[in-house]
Amino acid sequence: MLTRRFWMTVIMLSVLIFLTMASATLPSLNSNTNEHVYYGYVPPTTNIAGGEGDYPGEVDELIEGTVISYTVPSGVAILDVVGLEDDTYIEIWDIYSNVMLASDVIDKFEKKFFYISAGSFFKMVSSQRVAAMLAGGAWVFEPEGSVGGTSTFYPSVTGGFRGREFVFVAAPGTHPYAYSKDRIGYNFYLFALRETDWSLSDVIERWSAGGHLKQRDSHTTILQSRKHRFEYNNGAGNNVVYRLTTTSDAVLSCSALGDFVAVPAITGGYVGRVFYAPVSVTLEEEGRSAAFIVIPLEEGKVTVYNEALDTIAERTFTSSDVENRNYWYHNLGIGRFKLIVQSARNICFMVGQTEGVVDMDHLGDDITFVGAKPNQEVRFYAPTMAVVFAPEDLTISIDGGAPIRMEKDEFRLLESGCHSVLADKHVIVEILAGGSSWNDWGSYLIEPLDIDASFDVPEGFLEKRQEYTTYIIIAAVVIVVIAAALMLRRRGRRAARV
């Protein structure tokens, strides 16, 4: 079984080899105050398998009702980019060698994809906000197997991971042909923060669906997404790009197998007191278990609930826990979970599932991102390693150490374990969880706008619903008893008269 130490060693050696091939100084790029910047690192991924037999590396996706097929080269991951506005100019840069990898113009609702080589540290700069997902591995686009897909939160159009409009390329889920319906990992997982109407359509408007959700209710389905050639995913829609609108705030995610996800707070960013996250372990296999991690930034009580606000587990953190960067790791077992977390003070929250062995060393495989506002501390657990990116020149303290300077586009590697990051400017961190292999991983990228989004806790969100069914039944029984008593009394009077 491959351990996190093995993967960390592989990654470190790959980075050292890569660094010897380029200059140690990264020239400053021309700054643009209106640019949107997204960072990422491609782990030592396995090749995308594609169709079996005569079609190695070949994948299909549905674009405007037509199946488009192409062959994915070896040694790459795929970066999908969806335009949210017309005439959006994008550039993709290798941030170590300062070489532009690609540039293009993308329109609203249009999707383009780019190959990014394994081992690359890159950034994407866009003139307007976009939705971008990075994914890779042999089985990530495998619709008919039992282990395909990944998990991620979809960013909203306006920023952050909560809103009323989402335009997105559907992430790969675990699909209906994975032996049985019970094993579906849905790539459309809508959760209502308030009572809401919702409307979903592919962006060419040939397919649509909608409905109504009460507060804390959810709706799931499988949507069309990229897949191995000549295989089936039975997803809805005639395009892989979709638009969701709601009348009240909602959260949208993909929840499939083999995941590890840093959960955004309901109030915005990655530090908060209220969180929601689905976790779906739909394959009953030895070594698999859903799990969550709570990392406190302040002392206080934390309670983890299900969607009905029944308590699953709770724990109180002390000032010593905070000082020593202690965390709470909790296994949930097999099943589908919709977790709601309430904390008395600020925490960070992560969810995932194990593969091979039920312990923290085997979470994933997956990548995920966290970020922090200027002068905000963020904490996280890295099962394999983490990469800290500087979107601008900044001063940063890592794990409580002495402040150090990082130049724009500079990155630093952190070993596995629990970490703390505090900087005077925005900071973005990619967290890697190698699981037992890099076979199916992916995540949406984030930018500072996703970190800055701020919201209130929805009214009534943490209040249990009043269940009136029992009271109605009791009232009905009382009415029947009274009616029966009155009838018996009347009969008694009639009998007495006779």
Protein backbone atom coordinates (compact mmCIF):
# COMPACT_ATOMS: atom_id res chain seq x y z
CA MET A 1 0.00 0.00 0.00
CA LEU A 2 1.41 3.41 -1.01
CA THR A 3 1.61 5.80 1.95
CA ARG A 4 1.54 9.57 2.17
CA ARG A 5 5.33 9.51 2.84
CA PHE A 6 5.82 7.70 -0.48
CA TRP A 7 3.74 10.26 -2.38
CA MET A 8 5.44 13.16 -0.63
CA THR A 9 8.84 11.75 -1.60
CA VAL A 10 7.75 11.27 -5.22
CA ILE A 11 6.40 14.80 -5.42
CA MET A 12 9.43 16.37 -3.78
CA LEU A 13 11.82 14.54 -6.12
CA SER A 14 9.72 15.56 -9.12
CA VAL A 15 9.79 19.18 -7.99
CA LEU A 16 13.58 19.12 -7.44
CA ILE A 17 14.12 17.71 -10.93
CA PHE A 18 11.75 20.28 -12.35
CA LEU A 19 13.47 23.14 -10.52
CA THR A 20 16.87 22.27 -11.97
CA MET A 21 15.45 22.84 -15.44
CA ALA A 22 14.52 26.48 -14.89
CA SER A 23 15.76 29.69 -13.35
CA ALA A 24 15.31 30.21 -9.64
CA THR A 25 13.99 33.75 -10.13
CA LEU A 26 10.54 34.36 -11.59
CA PRO A 27 10.31 37.73 -13.36
CA SER A 28 7.37 39.90 -12.34
CA LEU A 29 4.41 39.80 -14.68
CA ASN A 30 2.63 42.91 -15.84
CA SER A 31 0.07 43.70 -13.13
CA ASN A 32 -3.56 44.35 -13.90
CA THR A 33 -5.78 45.36 -11.01
CA ASN A 34 -8.85 43.99 -12.82
CA GLU A 35 -7.44 40.55 -13.53
CA HIS A 36 -8.77 37.37 -11.96
CA VAL A 37 -6.04 34.91 -10.96
CA TYR A 38 -6.38 31.17 -10.30
CA TYR A 39 -3.52 28.88 -9.21
CA GLY A 40 -2.96 25.14 -9.36
CA TYR A 41 -0.50 22.26 -9.20
CA VAL A 42 -0.88 18.99 -11.12
CA PRO A 43 0.12 15.98 -8.97
CA PRO A 44 1.99 12.92 -10.38
CA THR A 45 -1.23 11.66 -11.93
CA THR A 46 -1.89 8.47 -13.82
CA ASN A 47 -2.86 8.85 -17.48
CA ILE A 48 -6.51 9.33 -18.37
CA ALA A 49 -7.43 5.82 -19.53
CA GLY A 50 -10.13 6.65 -22.07
CA GLY A 51 -11.98 3.98 -23.98
CA GLU A 52 -10.85 0.40 -23.63
CA GLY A 53 -9.34 -1.80 -26.33
CA ASP A 54 -8.70 0.21 -29.48
CA TYR A 55 -9.38 3.62 -27.89
CA PRO A 56 -6.73 4.29 -25.21
CA GLY A 57 -6.87 7.85 -23.96
CA GLU A 58 -9.99 8.68 -25.97
CA VAL A 59 -12.83 10.54 -24.28
CA ASP A 60 -16.24 11.87 -25.32
CA GLU A 61 -18.25 14.88 -24.29
CA LEU A 62 -21.58 16.28 -25.43
CA ILE A 63 -21.38 19.77 -26.94
CA GLU A 64 -24.59 21.31 -28.34
CA GLY A 65 -26.14 17.87 -28.67
CA THR A 66 -23.19 16.43 -30.63
CA VAL A 67 -20.72 13.90 -29.24
CA ILE A 68 -17.17 15.23 -29.59
CA SER A 69 -14.32 12.69 -29.29
CA TYR A 70 -10.62 13.34 -28.78
CA THR A 71 -7.49 11.63 -27.47
CA VAL A 72 -5.90 12.89 -24.25
CA PRO A 73 -2.07 12.82 -24.32
CA SER A 74 -0.12 10.93 -21.67
CA GLY A 75 1.09 12.71 -18.57
CA VAL A 76 -1.48 15.50 -18.42
CA ALA A 77 -4.54 16.68 -16.53
CA ILE A 78 -7.42 18.62 -18.08
CA LEU A 79 -8.29 22.21 -17.18
CA ASP A 80 -11.86 23.08 -18.21
CA VAL A 81 -12.72 26.79 -18.40
CA VAL A 82 -16.25 28.18 -18.80
CA GLY A 83 -16.88 31.81 -19.71
CA LEU A 84 -19.26 33.86 -17.59
CA GLU A 85 -19.05 36.93 -19.84
CA ASP A 86 -18.40 37.45 -23.55
CA ASP A 87 -14.92 38.37 -24.79
CA THR A 88 -13.06 37.07 -21.76
CA TYR A 89 -9.32 36.89 -22.44
CA ILE A 90 -7.41 34.17 -20.58
CA GLU A 91 -3.74 33.27 -20.26
CA ILE A 92 -2.26 30.16 -18.66
CA TRP A 93 1.30 30.42 -17.35
CA ASP A 94 3.86 28.04 -15.94
CA ILE A 95 4.74 30.13 -12.89
CA TYR A 96 8.16 28.59 -12.32
CA SER A 97 9.62 29.03 -15.78
CA ASN A 98 7.46 32.09 -16.53
CA VAL A 99 6.38 30.56 -19.85
CA MET A 100 2.94 31.14 -21.28
CA LEU A 101 1.31 27.77 -21.92
CA ALA A 102 -1.82 29.01 -23.70
CA SER A 103 -3.98 32.04 -24.37
CA ASP A 104 -7.49 32.34 -25.76
CA VAL A 105 -10.73 34.32 -25.82
CA ILE A 106 -13.83 32.70 -24.40
CA ASP A 107 -17.46 33.84 -24.56
CA LYS A 108 -20.33 33.51 -22.12
CA PHE A 109 -21.42 29.86 -21.62
CA GLU A 110 -18.57 28.68 -23.87
CA LYS A 111 -16.23 25.94 -22.62
CA LYS A 112 -12.64 25.39 -23.64
CA PHE A 113 -10.16 22.90 -22.24
CA PHE A 114 -6.39 22.83 -21.89
CA TYR A 115 -3.85 20.11 -21.11
CA ILE A 116 -1.58 20.80 -18.14
CA SER A 117 1.44 18.52 -17.65
CA ALA A 118 1.89 16.54 -14.45
CA GLY A 119 4.25 18.34 -12.07
CA SER A 120 3.30 21.81 -13.35
CA PHE A 121 2.80 24.79 -11.06
CA PHE A 122 0.57 27.12 -13.06
CA LYS A 123 -1.72 30.10 -12.93
CA MET A 124 -4.60 31.20 -15.12
CA VAL A 125 -5.23 34.92 -15.52
CA SER A 126 -8.54 36.11 -16.97
CA SER A 127 -9.89 39.54 -17.82
CA GLN A 128 -13.24 38.59 -16.26
CA ARG A 129 -14.37 35.95 -13.80
CA VAL A 130 -14.56 32.37 -15.13
CA ALA A 131 -15.41 28.91 -13.79
CA ALA A 132 -12.40 26.56 -13.98
CA MET A 133 -12.04 22.90 -12.99
CA LEU A 134 -8.82 20.84 -12.93
CA ALA A 135 -9.16 17.03 -13.05
CA GLY A 136 -7.12 13.97 -13.94
CA GLY A 137 -6.36 10.31 -13.34
CA ALA A 138 -7.07 7.04 -15.08
CA TRP A 139 -10.64 6.61 -13.84
CA VAL A 140 -11.89 10.13 -13.14
CA PHE A 141 -14.01 10.13 -16.32
CA GLU A 142 -15.02 6.46 -15.99
CA PRO A 143 -18.86 6.39 -15.93
CA GLU A 144 -19.48 2.65 -15.81
CA GLY A 145 -17.04 1.63 -13.09
CA SER A 146 -17.62 1.83 -9.37
CA VAL A 147 -14.82 4.26 -8.47
CA GLY A 148 -14.96 7.07 -11.06
CA GLY A 149 -15.65 10.73 -10.38
CA THR A 150 -14.59 13.31 -7.83
CA SER A 151 -16.12 15.81 -5.39
CA THR A 152 -16.06 19.59 -5.41
CA PHE A 153 -18.13 22.67 -4.65
CA TYR A 154 -19.26 24.71 -7.67
CA PRO A 155 -18.44 28.45 -7.42
CA SER A 156 -21.27 30.93 -7.92
CA VAL A 157 -21.25 33.50 -10.72
CA THR A 158 -20.81 36.38 -8.27
CA GLY A 159 -18.06 34.79 -6.16
CA GLY A 160 -17.85 32.31 -3.33
CA PHE A 161 -19.71 29.03 -3.09
CA ARG A 162 -23.14 30.30 -2.15
CA GLY A 163 -25.49 32.22 -4.38
CA ARG A 164 -28.47 32.31 -6.73
CA GLU A 165 -26.75 31.70 -10.08
CA PHE A 166 -24.22 29.03 -11.04
CA VAL A 167 -22.74 28.46 -14.51
CA PHE A 168 -20.55 25.37 -14.55
CA VAL A 169 -19.14 22.42 -16.45
CA ALA A 170 -20.47 19.33 -14.70
CA ALA A 171 -17.80 17.57 -12.66
CA PRO A 172 -17.48 13.80 -13.19
CA GLY A 173 -19.68 11.85 -10.80
CA THR A 174 -20.08 8.15 -10.09
CA HIS A 175 -22.77 7.18 -12.55
CA PRO A 176 -25.90 4.96 -12.74
CA TYR A 177 -24.07 2.17 -14.52
CA ALA A 178 -21.86 1.70 -11.45
CA TYR A 179 -23.65 -1.60 -10.72
CA SER A 180 -26.69 -0.11 -8.99
CA LYS A 181 -28.50 3.13 -8.25
CA ASP A 182 -27.32 2.94 -4.65
CA ARG A 183 -23.77 3.57 -5.86
CA ILE A 184 -24.45 6.79 -7.72
CA GLY A 185 -22.26 9.72 -6.73
CA TYR A 186 -24.27 12.69 -7.96
CA ASN A 187 -22.57 15.54 -9.81
CA PHE A 188 -25.56 17.83 -9.16
CA TYR A 189 -26.16 18.16 -5.43
CA LEU A 190 -28.34 21.20 -4.73
CA PHE A 191 -28.84 22.26 -1.10
CA ALA A 192 -31.28 25.00 -0.09
CA LEU A 193 -30.05 27.46 2.53
CA ARG A 194 -33.50 29.04 2.46
CA GLU A 195 -36.78 27.87 0.97
CA THR A 196 -36.34 28.33 -2.76
CA ASP A 197 -37.55 27.65 -6.28
CA TRP A 198 -34.86 26.44 -8.65
CA SER A 199 -34.39 26.14 -12.41
CA LEU A 200 -31.64 24.18 -14.17
CA SER A 201 -30.91 23.96 -17.90
CA ASP A 202 -28.08 23.14 -20.23
CA VAL A 203 -26.72 26.35 -21.71
CA ILE A 204 -28.15 25.58 -25.15
CA GLU A 205 -31.61 25.35 -23.50
CA ARG A 206 -32.59 22.02 -25.02
CA TRP A 207 -33.09 20.42 -21.62
CA SER A 208 -34.36 21.90 -18.38
CA ALA A 209 -35.67 20.93 -14.96
CA GLY A 210 -36.86 22.74 -11.87
CA GLY A 211 -38.64 22.47 -8.59
CA HIS A 212 -39.12 23.76 -5.07
CA LEU A 213 -37.07 23.02 -1.96
CA LYS A 214 -37.73 23.76 1.66
CA GLN A 215 -34.90 25.04 3.82
CA ARG A 216 -32.18 22.37 4.29
CA ASP A 217 -33.73 20.12 1.64
CA SER A 218 -31.65 18.90 -1.29
CA HIS A 219 -32.10 17.67 -4.87
CA THR A 220 -29.72 15.35 -6.71
CA THR A 221 -29.30 14.17 -10.27
CA ILE A 222 -26.65 13.03 -12.74
CA LEU A 223 -25.73 15.48 -15.50
CA GLN A 224 -23.80 14.93 -18.71
CA SER A 225 -20.05 15.16 -18.20
CA ARG A 226 -16.87 14.07 -19.98
CA LYS A 227 -16.55 10.27 -20.16
CA HIS A 228 -14.43 7.49 -21.63
CA ARG A 229 -15.25 6.90 -25.28
CA PHE A 230 -18.21 4.61 -26.10
CA GLU A 231 -19.24 4.33 -22.47
CA TYR A 232 -22.48 5.59 -20.94
CA ASN A 233 -23.26 7.89 -18.06
CA ASN A 234 -27.02 8.33 -18.56
CA GLY A 235 -26.70 11.98 -17.57
CA ALA A 236 -29.37 14.59 -18.23
CA GLY A 237 -28.84 17.39 -20.72
CA ASN A 238 -27.51 17.99 -24.23
CA ASN A 239 -24.36 19.80 -23.20
CA VAL A 240 -21.76 19.47 -20.44
CA VAL A 241 -22.22 23.13 -19.41
CA TYR A 242 -25.23 24.12 -17.28
CA ARG A 243 -26.88 27.13 -15.68
CA LEU A 244 -28.71 27.02 -12.35
CA THR A 245 -30.79 29.86 -10.93
CA THR A 246 -32.58 29.96 -7.59
CA THR A 247 -34.89 32.45 -5.88
CA SER A 248 -32.97 32.18 -2.59
CA ASP A 249 -29.40 31.33 -1.65
CA ALA A 250 -28.24 27.76 -2.29
CA VAL A 251 -25.07 25.66 -2.32
CA LEU A 252 -24.19 23.43 -5.29
CA SER A 253 -21.70 20.56 -5.30
CA CYS A 254 -20.60 17.25 -6.79
CA SER A 255 -20.38 14.39 -4.28
CA ALA A 256 -18.77 11.22 -5.62
CA LEU A 257 -16.24 8.63 -4.45
CA GLY A 258 -12.62 9.04 -3.39
CA ASP A 259 -12.85 12.65 -2.33
CA PHE A 260 -11.17 15.10 0.02
CA VAL A 261 -12.70 18.58 0.19
CA ALA A 262 -12.02 21.75 2.16
CA VAL A 263 -15.51 23.02 2.95
CA PRO A 264 -16.36 26.71 2.47
CA ALA A 265 -18.21 28.32 5.37
CA ILE A 266 -21.88 29.19 4.93
CA THR A 267 -20.87 32.77 5.78
CA GLY A 268 -18.14 32.82 3.12
CA GLY A 269 -14.45 31.99 2.93
CA TYR A 270 -12.93 28.96 4.64
CA VAL A 271 -13.03 30.17 8.24
CA GLY A 272 -16.36 30.30 10.05
CA ARG A 273 -18.84 28.86 12.51
CA VAL A 274 -21.46 27.24 10.26
CA PHE A 275 -20.72 24.73 7.47
CA TYR A 276 -22.58 22.32 5.20
CA ALA A 277 -21.13 19.43 3.18
CA PRO A 278 -22.35 16.20 1.56
CA VAL A 279 -20.18 13.07 1.72
CA SER A 280 -21.07 10.00 -0.36
CA VAL A 281 -19.33 6.67 0.26
CA THR A 282 -21.48 4.46 -1.94
CA LEU A 283 -19.08 1.55 -2.44
CA GLU A 284 -19.03 -0.98 0.41
CA GLU A 285 -15.40 -1.97 0.23
CA GLU A 286 -12.83 -2.70 2.92
CA GLY A 287 -10.83 0.38 3.77
CA ARG A 288 -13.51 2.89 2.74
CA SER A 289 -15.11 5.27 5.22
CA ALA A 290 -16.52 8.78 5.16
CA ALA A 291 -14.76 11.15 7.54
CA PHE A 292 -14.58 14.76 8.66
CA ILE A 293 -11.86 16.93 10.18
CA VAL A 294 -12.40 19.97 12.41
CA ILE A 295 -9.46 22.33 12.99
CA PRO A 296 -10.17 25.01 15.63
CA LEU A 297 -8.84 28.55 15.50
CA GLU A 298 -10.44 29.42 18.83
CA GLU A 299 -11.55 27.43 21.86
CA GLY A 300 -15.19 26.36 22.00
CA LYS A 301 -17.75 23.64 21.37
CA VAL A 302 -18.36 22.15 17.90
CA THR A 303 -21.42 20.07 17.01
CA VAL A 304 -21.85 18.05 13.82
CA TYR A 305 -25.45 17.36 12.76
CA ASN A 306 -27.26 15.57 9.96
CA GLU A 307 -29.65 17.53 7.72
CA ALA A 308 -32.48 17.10 10.27
CA LEU A 309 -30.21 18.68 12.93
CA ASP A 310 -29.90 15.45 14.87
CA THR A 311 -26.50 15.35 16.58
CA ILE A 312 -23.89 13.04 15.03
CA ALA A 313 -20.95 14.01 17.23
CA GLU A 314 -19.66 16.93 19.29
CA ARG A 315 -16.44 18.06 20.90
CA THR A 316 -15.16 21.00 22.91
CA PHE A 317 -11.75 22.45 22.05
CA THR A 318 -9.51 24.10 24.64
CA SER A 319 -7.02 26.93 24.34
CA SER A 320 -4.30 24.26 24.47
CA ASP A 321 -5.85 22.54 21.43
CA VAL A 322 -5.71 25.81 19.52
CA GLU A 323 -2.14 26.57 20.57
CA ASN A 324 -0.92 23.10 19.57
CA ARG A 325 -2.89 23.02 16.29
CA ASN A 326 -4.81 19.96 17.41
CA TYR A 327 -7.67 18.72 15.25
CA TRP A 328 -10.62 16.35 15.43
CA TYR A 329 -10.72 13.47 12.94
CA HIS A 330 -13.92 11.40 12.97
CA ASN A 331 -14.89 8.38 10.83
CA LEU A 332 -18.53 8.07 9.74
CA GLY A 333 -18.50 4.71 7.96
CA ILE A 334 -20.31 3.80 4.74
CA GLY A 335 -23.29 5.80 3.48
CA ARG A 336 -24.53 9.16 2.28
CA PHE A 337 -24.15 12.00 4.76
CA LYS A 338 -25.33 15.60 4.69
CA LEU A 339 -23.34 17.28 7.42
CA ILE A 340 -24.20 20.57 9.08
CA VAL A 341 -21.65 21.98 11.52
CA GLN A 342 -22.23 24.60 14.20
CA SER A 343 -19.35 25.99 16.22
CA ALA A 344 -19.27 28.46 19.08
CA ARG A 345 -16.06 29.99 17.67
CA ASN A 346 -14.13 30.01 14.39
CA ILE A 347 -13.03 26.71 12.87
CA CYS A 348 -12.03 25.20 9.53
CA PHE A 349 -13.84 22.10 8.28
CA MET A 350 -12.90 19.34 5.83
CA VAL A 351 -14.61 16.18 4.62
CA GLY A 352 -13.43 13.15 2.68
CA GLN A 353 -13.21 9.42 2.53
CA THR A 354 -10.53 6.83 2.96
CA GLU A 355 -9.34 4.31 0.38
CA GLY A 356 -7.54 1.07 1.20
CA VAL A 357 -7.15 1.72 4.93
CA VAL A 358 -9.47 3.59 7.30
CA ASP A 359 -7.06 6.25 8.55
CA MET A 360 -5.99 9.80 7.75
CA ASP A 361 -2.99 8.67 5.70
CA HIS A 362 -5.34 7.25 3.08
CA LEU A 363 -7.82 10.09 2.49
CA GLY A 364 -8.48 10.80 -1.19
CA ASP A 365 -7.21 10.67 -3.80
CA ASP A 366 -8.10 14.27 -4.49
CA ILE A 367 -7.01 17.87 -4.53
CA THR A 368 -8.80 20.76 -2.83
CA PHE A 369 -8.24 24.46 -2.18
CA VAL A 370 -8.48 26.88 0.72
CA GLY A 371 -7.77 30.58 0.90
CA ALA A 372 -7.52 33.40 3.40
CA LYS A 373 -8.25 37.11 3.35
CA PRO A 374 -5.52 39.59 4.29
CA ASN A 375 -4.58 39.20 7.98
CA GLN A 376 -6.86 36.17 8.39
CA GLU A 377 -5.46 32.89 9.70
CA VAL A 378 -6.60 29.71 7.96
CA ARG A 379 -5.84 26.17 9.10
CA PHE A 380 -6.04 22.88 7.22
CA TYR A 381 -4.93 19.27 7.28
CA ALA A 382 -2.80 18.05 4.35
CA PRO A 383 -2.87 14.22 4.04
CA THR A 384 0.02 14.22 1.53
CA MET A 385 1.30 17.78 1.08
CA ALA A 386 0.20 21.33 0.31
CA VAL A 387 1.28 24.16 -1.98
CA VAL A 388 1.02 27.78 -0.80
CA PHE A 389 0.58 30.33 -3.64
CA ALA A 390 1.10 34.10 -3.42
CA PRO A 391 -1.31 36.03 -5.70
CA GLU A 392 0.64 39.22 -4.88
CA ASP A 393 3.75 40.26 -2.96
CA LEU A 394 3.09 39.42 0.67
CA THR A 395 4.47 38.68 4.12
CA ILE A 396 3.41 35.32 5.52
CA SER A 397 3.76 33.27 8.69
CA ILE A 398 3.48 29.49 8.27
CA ASP A 399 2.74 27.31 11.29
CA GLY A 400 3.35 30.23 13.64
CA GLY A 401 6.89 30.77 12.39
CA ALA A 402 8.72 34.02 11.76
CA PRO A 403 7.23 36.16 8.96
CA ILE A 404 8.82 35.65 5.54
CA ARG A 405 8.41 37.42 2.21
CA MET A 406 6.83 35.79 -0.84
CA GLU A 407 6.82 37.49 -4.20
CA LYS A 408 3.84 37.41 -6.53
CA ASP A 409 3.45 33.96 -8.14
CA GLU A 410 5.93 32.39 -5.72
CA PHE A 411 4.95 29.08 -4.13
CA ARG A 412 6.07 27.03 -1.14
CA LEU A 413 5.64 23.33 -0.38
CA LEU A 414 4.39 22.02 2.96
CA GLU A 415 4.69 18.45 4.19
CA SER A 416 1.76 16.36 5.37
CA GLY A 417 0.11 17.38 8.62
CA CYS A 418 -1.93 20.17 10.17
CA HIS A 419 -0.85 23.66 9.09
CA SER A 420 -1.58 27.30 9.80
CA VAL A 421 -1.15 30.16 7.31
CA LEU A 422 -1.43 33.89 8.06
CA ALA A 423 -0.48 36.58 5.51
CA ASP A 424 -0.98 40.31 5.05
CA LYS A 425 -2.49 39.75 1.58
CA HIS A 426 -4.68 37.09 -0.02
CA VAL A 427 -3.19 33.61 -0.01
CA ILE A 428 -4.33 30.45 -1.83
CA VAL A 429 -3.40 26.89 -0.81
CA GLU A 430 -3.81 23.68 -2.79
CA ILE A 431 -4.06 20.59 -0.57
CA LEU A 432 -3.19 17.13 -1.88
CA ALA A 433 -4.55 13.82 -0.61
CA GLY A 434 -2.93 10.94 -2.47
CA GLY A 435 -5.10 8.11 -1.17
CA SER A 436 -3.60 4.91 -2.53
CA SER A 437 -2.99 6.28 -6.07
CA TRP A 438 -3.68 9.33 -8.25
CA ASN A 439 -6.47 7.71 -10.28
CA ASP A 440 -9.49 10.02 -9.91
CA TRP A 441 -9.10 13.53 -8.60
CA GLY A 442 -10.34 17.01 -9.37
CA SER A 443 -11.52 20.35 -8.03
CA TYR A 444 -12.71 23.76 -9.10
CA LEU A 445 -10.02 26.42 -8.79
CA ILE A 446 -10.52 29.47 -6.57
CA GLU A 447 -9.57 33.14 -6.80
CA PRO A 448 -9.47 35.92 -4.16
CA LEU A 449 -13.08 36.88 -5.00
CA ASP A 450 -14.18 33.44 -3.77
CA ILE A 451 -12.40 34.06 -0.48
CA ASP A 452 -13.80 37.58 0.02
CA ALA A 453 -17.48 36.65 -0.44
CA SER A 454 -19.34 37.30 2.82
CA PHE A 455 -22.86 36.31 3.91
CA ASP A 456 -25.08 36.07 6.97
CA VAL A 457 -26.29 32.78 8.43
CA PRO A 458 -29.76 32.23 6.87
CA GLU A 459 -32.62 32.84 9.28
CA GLY A 460 -33.95 29.55 10.66
CA PHE A 461 -31.10 27.50 9.18
CA LEU A 462 -30.09 26.06 12.55
CA GLU A 463 -33.63 25.57 13.85
CA LYS A 464 -35.33 22.18 13.82
CA ARG A 465 -38.55 21.98 11.87
CA GLN A 466 -41.74 21.65 13.84
CA GLU A 467 -43.24 18.27 13.01
CA TYR A 468 -47.02 18.62 13.19
CA THR A 469 -47.93 15.12 12.01
CA THR A 470 -47.96 13.63 15.51
CA TYR A 471 -50.10 16.47 16.84
CA ILE A 472 -52.56 16.09 13.97
CA ILE A 473 -52.89 12.36 14.63
CA ILE A 474 -53.43 12.96 18.35
CA ALA A 475 -56.05 15.62 17.62
CA ALA A 476 -57.83 13.29 15.19
CA VAL A 477 -57.85 10.49 17.77
CA VAL A 478 -59.26 12.85 20.40
CA ILE A 479 -62.00 13.97 18.02
CA VAL A 480 -62.91 10.36 17.23
CA VAL A 481 -63.00 9.45 20.93
CA ILE A 482 -65.20 12.44 21.76
CA ALA A 483 -67.51 11.68 18.84
CA ALA A 484 -67.78 8.04 19.91
CA ALA A 485 -68.51 9.07 23.50
CA LEU A 486 -71.24 11.45 22.38
CA MET A 487 -72.83 8.76 20.22
CA LEU A 488 -72.79 6.27 23.10
CA ARG A 489 -74.29 8.88 25.39
CA ARG A 490 -77.12 9.60 22.97
CA ARG A 491 -77.83 5.89 22.56
CA GLY A 492 -77.90 5.52 26.34
CA ARG A 493 -80.45 8.30 26.64
CA ARG A 494 -82.65 6.73 23.98
CA ALA A 495 -82.49 3.36 25.70
CA ALA A 496 -83.44 4.96 29.03
CA ARG A 497 -86.51 6.60 27.47
CA VAL A 498 -87.67 3.28 26.06
